[in-house]
């Protein structure tokens, strides 16, 4: 099944963020940098860490209803 443009963009953005977080060891700054590059005219939302997991990347993919969340979560 072919992914739609917004689905591909979501996965690409997630991949960029996770790679940056891995390389830098700073998930919060990686989050801010990635979102600023993707949407330079918007203020990124606050980054939220999970207690006792501060160094672990934590993000939420926002996709519309019927946007194919199950498809994106399933292995190819």
Foldseek 3Di string as FASTA:
>chain_A
DDADPVLVVLVVLVVQLVVVLVVVLQSQVSQQVSVCVVPVVDHDDHQDDDPPPRSDHDDDRDADVVNCPVVSPDDD
